[in-house]
Amino acid sequence: MNIIGARIDSRLVHGQVANLWIPKLQIERVIVVDDSISESDIEKSGLRLATPTGVNLSVLPIERAINQLKDDRYGNQRLLFVLKSPAIYLKLVEAGIPIKEINVGNMAKTEGSLKVTNSINVVESDIQDFEAITKLGTKVISQMVPGVKEEDFMTLLDKAKEGGK
């Protein structure tokens, strides 16, 4: 399994991912893991349109993704995971999928969310998921686009929880 990148972005495949991350990381396949999106032909069609020509796209429910990854379905393809939330990453990591680092790029503001950066907002369940992911040995960073300095996400999260001190 050749996991080159793992990103959280509530917009999934869009301009930054398609035009910056995919070429920079030389990605051959983007994998979106989401139970509801995997059942929506309209959402899958939109993701296919946003994925650059020559790059494969898989939109999978969680259990199928775990099974295909464990079966090494994608061989040596250069993989980029793009998921909406840390909860799904936690399920993948708990299932033994070797994700060494997760880049938190964009999490939309919702009711009751805590602002971590201008583009990252979390709710309490997200915080718990990030803490569990890091306890399992996966590093969590924040880097909006290539070329911008990466930051330790858990440090940013701790500052936000303390009120930005």
N, C-alpha and C. Protein backbone atom coordinates (compact mmCIF):
# COMPACT_ATOMS: atom_id res chain seq x y z
N MET A 1 0.85 -1.18 0.00
CA MET A 1 0.00 0.00 0.00
C MET A 1 0.90 1.24 0.00
N ASN A 2 0.61 2.15 -0.90
CA ASN A 2 1.46 3.31 -1.10
C ASN A 2 0.68 4.59 -0.80
N ILE A 3 0.41 4.83 0.49
CA ILE A 3 -0.34 6.01 0.90
C ILE A 3 0.62 7.20 0.93
N ILE A 4 0.45 8.10 -0.03
CA ILE A 4 1.32 9.27 -0.16
C ILE A 4 0.77 10.43 0.66
N GLY A 5 -0.54 10.55 0.74
CA GLY A 5 -1.14 11.65 1.48
C GLY A 5 -2.50 11.30 2.03
N ALA A 6 -2.85 11.97 3.12
CA ALA A 6 -4.16 11.82 3.75
C ALA A 6 -4.59 13.20 4.20
N ARG A 7 -5.71 13.67 3.69
CA ARG A 7 -6.15 15.04 3.94
C ARG A 7 -7.59 15.05 4.43
N ILE A 8 -7.86 15.96 5.35
CA ILE A 8 -9.24 16.24 5.75
C ILE A 8 -9.62 17.54 5.07
N ASP A 9 -10.69 17.49 4.30
CA ASP A 9 -11.18 18.69 3.62
C ASP A 9 -12.68 18.51 3.40
N SER A 10 -13.47 19.36 4.01
CA SER A 10 -14.92 19.21 3.90
C SER A 10 -15.41 19.40 2.47
N ARG A 11 -14.57 19.99 1.62
CA ARG A 11 -14.95 20.19 0.21
C ARG A 11 -14.52 19.00 -0.66
N LEU A 12 -13.79 18.08 -0.09
CA LEU A 12 -13.27 16.89 -0.76
C LEU A 12 -12.38 17.27 -1.95
N VAL A 13 -12.69 16.80 -3.16
CA VAL A 13 -11.86 17.10 -4.33
C VAL A 13 -12.33 18.43 -4.90
N HIS A 14 -11.46 19.41 -4.90
CA HIS A 14 -11.78 20.76 -5.39
C HIS A 14 -10.47 21.37 -5.89
N GLY A 15 -10.45 22.65 -6.14
CA GLY A 15 -9.31 23.32 -6.74
C GLY A 15 -7.97 23.06 -6.07
N GLN A 16 -7.88 23.25 -4.75
CA GLN A 16 -6.60 23.05 -4.05
C GLN A 16 -6.12 21.61 -4.16
N VAL A 17 -7.02 20.68 -3.98
CA VAL A 17 -6.65 19.27 -4.04
C VAL A 17 -6.29 18.90 -5.48
N ALA A 18 -7.15 19.26 -6.44
CA ALA A 18 -6.96 18.86 -7.83
C ALA A 18 -5.76 19.54 -8.48
N ASN A 19 -5.58 20.82 -8.22
CA ASN A 19 -4.56 21.58 -8.93
C ASN A 19 -3.24 21.74 -8.19
N LEU A 20 -3.23 21.52 -6.88
CA LEU A 20 -2.00 21.70 -6.11
C LEU A 20 -1.50 20.41 -5.48
N TRP A 21 -2.34 19.75 -4.68
CA TRP A 21 -1.87 18.56 -3.96
C TRP A 21 -1.63 17.37 -4.88
N ILE A 22 -2.56 17.08 -5.77
CA ILE A 22 -2.41 15.91 -6.64
C ILE A 22 -1.14 16.00 -7.49
N PRO A 23 -0.89 17.11 -8.19
CA PRO A 23 0.36 17.17 -8.96
C PRO A 23 1.61 17.17 -8.07
N LYS A 24 1.58 17.91 -6.97
CA LYS A 24 2.74 18.00 -6.08
C LYS A 24 3.14 16.61 -5.56
N LEU A 25 2.15 15.81 -5.19
CA LEU A 25 2.40 14.49 -4.62
C LEU A 25 2.44 13.38 -5.68
N GLN A 26 2.21 13.76 -6.94
CA GLN A 26 2.21 12.81 -8.06
C GLN A 26 1.23 11.64 -7.80
N ILE A 27 0.02 12.01 -7.46
CA ILE A 27 -1.02 11.05 -7.08
C ILE A 27 -1.58 10.34 -8.31
N GLU A 28 -1.77 9.03 -8.18
CA GLU A 28 -2.37 8.23 -9.24
C GLU A 28 -3.84 7.90 -8.96
N ARG A 29 -4.19 7.84 -7.66
CA ARG A 29 -5.57 7.54 -7.28
C ARG A 29 -5.96 8.33 -6.04
N VAL A 30 -7.13 8.98 -6.13
CA VAL A 30 -7.72 9.66 -4.98
C VAL A 30 -8.78 8.72 -4.42
N ILE A 31 -8.76 8.55 -3.11
CA ILE A 31 -9.75 7.70 -2.45
C ILE A 31 -10.55 8.56 -1.48
N VAL A 32 -11.85 8.64 -1.73
CA VAL A 32 -12.79 9.32 -0.84
C VAL A 32 -13.54 8.22 -0.10
N VAL A 33 -13.51 8.26 1.22
CA VAL A 33 -14.20 7.26 2.02
C VAL A 33 -15.32 7.94 2.78
N ASP A 34 -16.55 7.56 2.44
CA ASP A 34 -17.72 8.18 3.06
C ASP A 34 -18.94 7.33 2.71
N ASP A 35 -19.64 6.84 3.72
CA ASP A 35 -20.79 5.96 3.47
C ASP A 35 -21.88 6.65 2.65
N SER A 36 -22.25 7.88 2.99
CA SER A 36 -23.36 8.52 2.28
C SER A 36 -22.97 8.98 0.89
N ILE A 37 -21.78 9.52 0.71
CA ILE A 37 -21.36 9.98 -0.62
C ILE A 37 -21.22 8.79 -1.56
N SER A 38 -20.77 7.65 -1.05
CA SER A 38 -20.60 6.46 -1.90
C SER A 38 -21.93 5.98 -2.47
N GLU A 39 -23.05 6.39 -1.87
CA GLU A 39 -24.37 5.99 -2.34
C GLU A 39 -25.04 7.05 -3.21
N SER A 40 -24.39 8.19 -3.40
CA SER A 40 -24.99 9.30 -4.15
C SER A 40 -24.34 9.44 -5.53
N ASP A 41 -25.08 9.08 -6.57
CA ASP A 41 -24.56 9.19 -7.93
C ASP A 41 -24.23 10.64 -8.28
N ILE A 42 -25.03 11.57 -7.80
CA ILE A 42 -24.79 12.99 -8.09
C ILE A 42 -23.48 13.46 -7.46
N GLU A 43 -23.26 13.14 -6.19
CA GLU A 43 -22.02 13.56 -5.53
C GLU A 43 -20.81 12.88 -6.14
N LYS A 44 -20.93 11.60 -6.48
CA LYS A 44 -19.81 10.89 -7.11
C LYS A 44 -19.49 11.50 -8.48
N SER A 45 -20.52 11.87 -9.21
CA SER A 45 -20.31 12.49 -10.52
C SER A 45 -19.56 13.82 -10.38
N GLY A 46 -19.93 14.62 -9.39
CA GLY A 46 -19.24 15.89 -9.14
C GLY A 46 -17.77 15.67 -8.78
N LEU A 47 -17.49 14.65 -7.99
CA LEU A 47 -16.11 14.34 -7.62
C LEU A 47 -15.31 13.88 -8.84
N ARG A 48 -15.95 13.09 -9.72
CA ARG A 48 -15.27 12.64 -10.93
C ARG A 48 -14.89 13.84 -11.81
N LEU A 49 -15.81 14.80 -11.91
CA LEU A 49 -15.55 15.99 -12.72
C LEU A 49 -14.40 16.82 -12.15
N ALA A 50 -14.27 16.85 -10.84
CA ALA A 50 -13.22 17.64 -10.19
C ALA A 50 -11.87 16.95 -10.18
N THR A 51 -11.85 15.65 -10.40
CA THR A 51 -10.60 14.88 -10.38
C THR A 51 -9.87 15.07 -11.72
N PRO A 52 -8.59 15.42 -11.66
CA PRO A 52 -7.84 15.66 -12.91
C PRO A 52 -7.82 14.43 -13.83
N THR A 53 -7.78 14.71 -15.12
CA THR A 53 -7.66 13.65 -16.13
C THR A 53 -6.40 12.83 -15.86
N GLY A 54 -6.54 11.53 -15.97
CA GLY A 54 -5.41 10.64 -15.75
C GLY A 54 -5.25 10.18 -14.32
N VAL A 55 -6.05 10.72 -13.41
CA VAL A 55 -6.02 10.31 -12.01
C VAL A 55 -7.28 9.50 -11.74
N ASN A 56 -7.12 8.33 -11.16
CA ASN A 56 -8.26 7.48 -10.82
C ASN A 56 -8.92 7.98 -9.54
N LEU A 57 -10.22 7.71 -9.43
CA LEU A 57 -10.99 8.10 -8.24
C LEU A 57 -11.77 6.90 -7.74
N SER A 58 -11.69 6.65 -6.45
CA SER A 58 -12.52 5.64 -5.80
C SER A 58 -13.32 6.33 -4.71
N VAL A 59 -14.63 6.13 -4.71
CA VAL A 59 -15.51 6.67 -3.67
C VAL A 59 -16.15 5.46 -3.00
N LEU A 60 -15.74 5.22 -1.76
CA LEU A 60 -16.07 3.95 -1.10
C LEU A 60 -16.72 4.14 0.26
N PRO A 61 -17.64 3.22 0.62
CA PRO A 61 -18.11 3.19 2.00
C PRO A 61 -16.96 2.68 2.89
N ILE A 62 -17.04 2.98 4.16
CA ILE A 62 -15.94 2.70 5.09
C ILE A 62 -15.52 1.23 5.08
N GLU A 63 -16.43 0.32 5.27
CA GLU A 63 -16.07 -1.10 5.37
C GLU A 63 -15.45 -1.63 4.08
N ARG A 64 -15.99 -1.21 2.96
CA ARG A 64 -15.42 -1.65 1.67
C ARG A 64 -14.01 -1.10 1.49
N ALA A 65 -13.81 0.15 1.89
CA ALA A 65 -12.47 0.74 1.79
C ALA A 65 -11.48 -0.05 2.64
N ILE A 66 -11.85 -0.36 3.85
CA ILE A 66 -10.97 -1.12 4.74
C ILE A 66 -10.62 -2.47 4.10
N ASN A 67 -11.62 -3.17 3.59
CA ASN A 67 -11.39 -4.48 2.98
C ASN A 67 -10.50 -4.39 1.76
N GLN A 68 -10.76 -3.42 0.89
CA GLN A 68 -9.95 -3.27 -0.33
C GLN A 68 -8.51 -2.88 0.01
N LEU A 69 -8.33 -2.02 1.00
CA LEU A 69 -6.98 -1.62 1.38
C LEU A 69 -6.22 -2.78 2.01
N LYS A 70 -6.89 -3.54 2.86
CA LYS A 70 -6.24 -4.70 3.48
C LYS A 70 -5.89 -5.77 2.44
N ASP A 71 -6.69 -5.85 1.38
CA ASP A 71 -6.43 -6.81 0.31
C ASP A 71 -5.41 -6.28 -0.70
N ASP A 72 -4.87 -5.11 -0.44
CA ASP A 72 -3.88 -4.46 -1.31
C ASP A 72 -4.41 -4.31 -2.73
N ARG A 73 -5.66 -3.90 -2.83
CA ARG A 73 -6.33 -3.75 -4.12
C ARG A 73 -5.64 -2.74 -5.04
N TYR A 74 -4.97 -1.76 -4.46
CA TYR A 74 -4.40 -0.68 -5.27
C TYR A 74 -2.90 -0.83 -5.51
N GLY A 75 -2.33 -1.93 -5.06
CA GLY A 75 -0.93 -2.23 -5.33
C GLY A 75 0.00 -1.08 -4.99
N ASN A 76 0.83 -0.70 -5.95
CA ASN A 76 1.80 0.37 -5.73
C ASN A 76 1.34 1.73 -6.25
N GLN A 77 0.04 1.87 -6.54
CA GLN A 77 -0.47 3.18 -6.97
C GLN A 77 -0.22 4.20 -5.87
N ARG A 78 0.09 5.41 -6.26
CA ARG A 78 0.30 6.51 -5.31
C ARG A 78 -1.07 7.03 -4.87
N LEU A 79 -1.42 6.80 -3.60
CA LEU A 79 -2.76 7.08 -3.10
C LEU A 79 -2.83 8.37 -2.29
N LEU A 80 -3.91 9.11 -2.49
CA LEU A 80 -4.25 10.26 -1.67
C LEU A 80 -5.66 10.05 -1.13
N PHE A 81 -5.77 9.99 0.20
CA PHE A 81 -7.08 9.94 0.84
C PHE A 81 -7.57 11.37 1.05
N VAL A 82 -8.83 11.62 0.72
CA VAL A 82 -9.44 12.91 1.01
C VAL A 82 -10.78 12.60 1.67
N LEU A 83 -10.86 12.91 2.97
CA LEU A 83 -12.05 12.61 3.76
C LEU A 83 -12.56 13.89 4.42
N LYS A 84 -13.82 13.86 4.83
CA LYS A 84 -14.42 15.04 5.45
C LYS A 84 -14.13 15.18 6.93
N SER A 85 -13.85 14.07 7.61
CA SER A 85 -13.78 14.17 9.07
C SER A 85 -12.74 13.24 9.67
N PRO A 86 -12.29 13.57 10.88
CA PRO A 86 -11.36 12.68 11.56
C PRO A 86 -12.01 11.36 12.00
N ALA A 87 -13.32 11.33 12.14
CA ALA A 87 -14.01 10.11 12.60
C ALA A 87 -13.75 8.95 11.64
N ILE A 88 -13.76 9.22 10.34
CA ILE A 88 -13.54 8.15 9.36
C ILE A 88 -12.07 7.73 9.39
N TYR A 89 -11.15 8.70 9.52
CA TYR A 89 -9.74 8.34 9.64
C TYR A 89 -9.50 7.47 10.86
N LEU A 90 -10.17 7.78 11.97
CA LEU A 90 -10.01 6.98 13.18
C LEU A 90 -10.41 5.53 12.90
N LYS A 91 -11.51 5.32 12.20
CA LYS A 91 -11.95 3.96 11.86
C LYS A 91 -10.91 3.25 10.99
N LEU A 92 -10.33 3.97 10.03
CA LEU A 92 -9.32 3.37 9.16
C LEU A 92 -8.07 2.98 9.96
N VAL A 93 -7.60 3.90 10.81
CA VAL A 93 -6.39 3.64 11.60
C VAL A 93 -6.64 2.49 12.58
N GLU A 94 -7.80 2.50 13.23
CA GLU A 94 -8.14 1.41 14.16
C GLU A 94 -8.20 0.06 13.45
N ALA A 95 -8.56 0.07 12.16
CA ALA A 95 -8.65 -1.17 11.38
C ALA A 95 -7.28 -1.62 10.87
N GLY A 96 -6.24 -0.83 11.16
CA GLY A 96 -4.90 -1.23 10.78
C GLY A 96 -4.39 -0.64 9.47
N ILE A 97 -5.11 0.31 8.91
CA ILE A 97 -4.64 0.96 7.68
C ILE A 97 -3.48 1.89 8.09
N PRO A 98 -2.30 1.73 7.47
CA PRO A 98 -1.10 2.44 7.92
C PRO A 98 -1.03 3.90 7.44
N ILE A 99 -1.79 4.75 8.10
CA ILE A 99 -1.78 6.18 7.78
C ILE A 99 -0.85 6.85 8.78
N LYS A 100 0.30 7.31 8.29
CA LYS A 100 1.32 7.88 9.17
C LYS A 100 1.06 9.33 9.53
N GLU A 101 0.40 10.06 8.60
CA GLU A 101 0.19 11.50 8.81
C GLU A 101 -1.11 11.93 8.15
N ILE A 102 -1.84 12.79 8.83
CA ILE A 102 -3.07 13.37 8.30
C ILE A 102 -2.89 14.88 8.25
N ASN A 103 -3.22 15.47 7.11
CA ASN A 103 -3.15 16.92 6.92
C ASN A 103 -4.57 17.48 7.02
N VAL A 104 -4.81 18.31 8.02
CA VAL A 104 -6.12 18.93 8.19
C VAL A 104 -6.11 20.23 7.39
N GLY A 105 -6.92 20.25 6.32
CA GLY A 105 -6.93 21.41 5.43
C GLY A 105 -8.11 22.33 5.62
N ASN A 106 -9.31 21.76 5.66
CA ASN A 106 -10.50 22.59 5.75
C ASN A 106 -11.61 21.81 6.44
N MET A 107 -12.14 22.39 7.50
CA MET A 107 -13.32 21.83 8.15
C MET A 107 -14.27 22.99 8.38
N ALA A 108 -15.42 22.91 7.74
CA ALA A 108 -16.38 24.01 7.73
C ALA A 108 -16.91 24.34 9.12
N LYS A 109 -17.23 25.61 9.29
CA LYS A 109 -17.84 26.08 10.54
C LYS A 109 -19.25 25.52 10.65
N THR A 110 -19.57 25.01 11.83
CA THR A 110 -20.91 24.51 12.11
C THR A 110 -21.38 25.05 13.45
N GLU A 111 -22.60 24.78 13.76
CA GLU A 111 -23.18 25.20 15.04
C GLU A 111 -22.35 24.64 16.20
N GLY A 112 -21.86 25.51 17.05
CA GLY A 112 -21.12 25.08 18.23
C GLY A 112 -19.68 24.70 17.97
N SER A 113 -19.16 25.00 16.79
CA SER A 113 -17.78 24.60 16.50
C SER A 113 -16.78 25.60 17.08
N LEU A 114 -15.57 25.10 17.29
CA LEU A 114 -14.45 25.88 17.80
C LEU A 114 -13.54 26.22 16.63
N LYS A 115 -13.21 27.50 16.47
CA LYS A 115 -12.34 27.94 15.38
C LYS A 115 -10.89 27.65 15.76
N VAL A 116 -10.23 26.81 14.96
CA VAL A 116 -8.82 26.47 15.17
C VAL A 116 -7.95 27.37 14.31
N THR A 117 -8.32 27.52 13.04
CA THR A 117 -7.69 28.47 12.11
C THR A 117 -8.82 29.08 11.29
N ASN A 118 -8.48 29.96 10.36
CA ASN A 118 -9.51 30.56 9.52
C ASN A 118 -10.29 29.53 8.71
N SER A 119 -9.69 28.38 8.44
CA SER A 119 -10.37 27.39 7.60
C SER A 119 -10.67 26.08 8.32
N ILE A 120 -10.34 26.01 9.60
CA ILE A 120 -10.56 24.76 10.35
C ILE A 120 -11.39 25.03 11.60
N ASN A 121 -12.54 24.37 11.66
CA ASN A 121 -13.44 24.46 12.80
C ASN A 121 -13.77 23.04 13.25
N VAL A 122 -13.77 22.83 14.56
CA VAL A 122 -14.01 21.49 15.09
C VAL A 122 -15.11 21.51 16.14
N VAL A 123 -15.77 20.37 16.28
CA VAL A 123 -16.71 20.17 17.37
C VAL A 123 -16.08 19.19 18.35
N GLU A 124 -16.69 18.99 19.49
CA GLU A 124 -16.10 18.15 20.54
C GLU A 124 -15.78 16.74 20.06
N SER A 125 -16.66 16.15 19.26
CA SER A 125 -16.37 14.79 18.78
C SER A 125 -15.14 14.77 17.88
N ASP A 126 -14.91 15.83 17.10
CA ASP A 126 -13.70 15.92 16.28
C ASP A 126 -12.46 15.94 17.17
N ILE A 127 -12.52 16.72 18.23
CA ILE A 127 -11.38 16.82 19.16
C ILE A 127 -11.05 15.45 19.73
N GLN A 128 -12.07 14.73 20.16
CA GLN A 128 -11.86 13.38 20.71
C GLN A 128 -11.26 12.45 19.67
N ASP A 129 -11.74 12.56 18.42
CA ASP A 129 -11.21 11.71 17.34
C ASP A 129 -9.75 12.04 17.05
N PHE A 130 -9.41 13.32 16.99
CA PHE A 130 -8.01 13.71 16.76
C PHE A 130 -7.11 13.19 17.88
N GLU A 131 -7.57 13.30 19.11
CA GLU A 131 -6.77 12.81 20.24
C GLU A 131 -6.56 11.29 20.14
N ALA A 132 -7.61 10.57 19.78
CA ALA A 132 -7.50 9.11 19.64
C ALA A 132 -6.56 8.74 18.48
N ILE A 133 -6.64 9.47 17.38
CA ILE A 133 -5.77 9.21 16.23
C ILE A 133 -4.31 9.39 16.62
N THR A 134 -4.01 10.46 17.33
CA THR A 134 -2.61 10.71 17.71
C THR A 134 -2.13 9.67 18.72
N LYS A 135 -3.00 9.20 19.60
CA LYS A 135 -2.62 8.16 20.55
C LYS A 135 -2.27 6.85 19.83
N LEU A 136 -2.84 6.66 18.65
CA LEU A 136 -2.56 5.46 17.87
C LEU A 136 -1.29 5.63 17.02
N GLY A 137 -0.66 6.79 17.13
CA GLY A 137 0.63 6.98 16.46
C GLY A 137 0.60 7.73 15.14
N THR A 138 -0.54 8.23 14.75
CA THR A 138 -0.63 9.00 13.50
C THR A 138 -0.41 10.48 13.82
N LYS A 139 0.50 11.10 13.08
CA LYS A 139 0.80 12.52 13.24
C LYS A 139 -0.29 13.33 12.54
N VAL A 140 -0.71 14.44 13.14
CA VAL A 140 -1.73 15.29 12.54
C VAL A 140 -1.13 16.68 12.36
N ILE A 141 -1.13 17.15 11.11
CA ILE A 141 -0.58 18.46 10.79
C ILE A 141 -1.65 19.31 10.12
N SER A 142 -1.33 20.57 9.92
CA SER A 142 -2.18 21.45 9.13
C SER A 142 -1.29 22.16 8.11
N GLN A 143 -1.65 22.03 6.85
CA GLN A 143 -0.95 22.71 5.77
C GLN A 143 -1.96 22.93 4.66
N MET A 144 -2.36 24.18 4.47
CA MET A 144 -3.43 24.47 3.51
C MET A 144 -3.02 24.10 2.08
N VAL A 145 -1.85 24.55 1.66
CA VAL A 145 -1.38 24.27 0.30
C VAL A 145 0.12 23.95 0.35
N PRO A 146 0.62 23.25 -0.67
CA PRO A 146 2.06 23.00 -0.72
C PRO A 146 2.81 24.35 -0.74
N GLY A 147 3.96 24.37 -0.14
CA GLY A 147 4.75 25.60 -0.13
C GLY A 147 4.52 26.45 1.10
N VAL A 148 3.39 26.23 1.79
CA VAL A 148 3.12 26.91 3.05
C VAL A 148 3.65 26.00 4.16
N LYS A 149 4.25 26.60 5.16
CA LYS A 149 4.82 25.82 6.26
C LYS A 149 3.75 24.98 6.95
N GLU A 150 4.08 23.72 7.17
CA GLU A 150 3.15 22.87 7.91
C GLU A 150 3.26 23.19 9.40
N GLU A 151 2.14 23.03 10.10
CA GLU A 151 2.10 23.25 11.54
C GLU A 151 1.55 22.01 12.22
N ASP A 152 1.98 21.79 13.46
CA ASP A 152 1.46 20.68 14.24
C ASP A 152 0.01 21.00 14.61
N PHE A 153 -0.92 20.18 14.12
CA PHE A 153 -2.33 20.47 14.33
C PHE A 153 -2.73 20.41 15.80
N MET A 154 -2.18 19.47 16.54
CA MET A 154 -2.58 19.33 17.94
C MET A 154 -2.17 20.56 18.75
N THR A 155 -1.04 21.18 18.39
CA THR A 155 -0.63 22.42 19.05
C THR A 155 -1.63 23.53 18.74
N LEU A 156 -2.04 23.63 17.47
CA LEU A 156 -3.04 24.62 17.08
C LEU A 156 -4.36 24.38 17.82
N LEU A 157 -4.73 23.13 17.93
CA LEU A 157 -5.97 22.77 18.61
C LEU A 157 -5.90 23.13 20.09
N ASP A 158 -4.77 22.83 20.73
CA ASP A 158 -4.62 23.18 22.15
C ASP A 158 -4.71 24.68 22.37
N LYS A 159 -4.11 25.48 21.48
CA LYS A 159 -4.20 26.94 21.59
C LYS A 159 -5.65 27.42 21.44
N ALA A 160 -6.37 26.83 20.50
CA ALA A 160 -7.77 27.21 20.30
C ALA A 160 -8.61 26.88 21.52
N LYS A 161 -8.35 25.71 22.12
CA LYS A 161 -9.09 25.31 23.32
C LYS A 161 -8.80 26.24 24.50
N GLU A 162 -7.58 26.79 24.52
CA GLU A 162 -7.20 27.71 25.59
C GLU A 162 -7.64 29.14 25.29
N GLY A 163 -8.33 29.34 24.20
CA GLY A 163 -8.79 30.67 23.87
C GLY A 163 -7.80 31.48 23.05
N GLY A 164 -6.90 30.80 22.36
CA GLY A 164 -5.96 31.49 21.50
C GLY A 164 -4.76 32.08 22.17
N LYS A 165 -4.49 31.70 23.42
CA LYS A 165 -3.36 32.25 24.17
C LYS A 165 -2.04 31.87 23.57
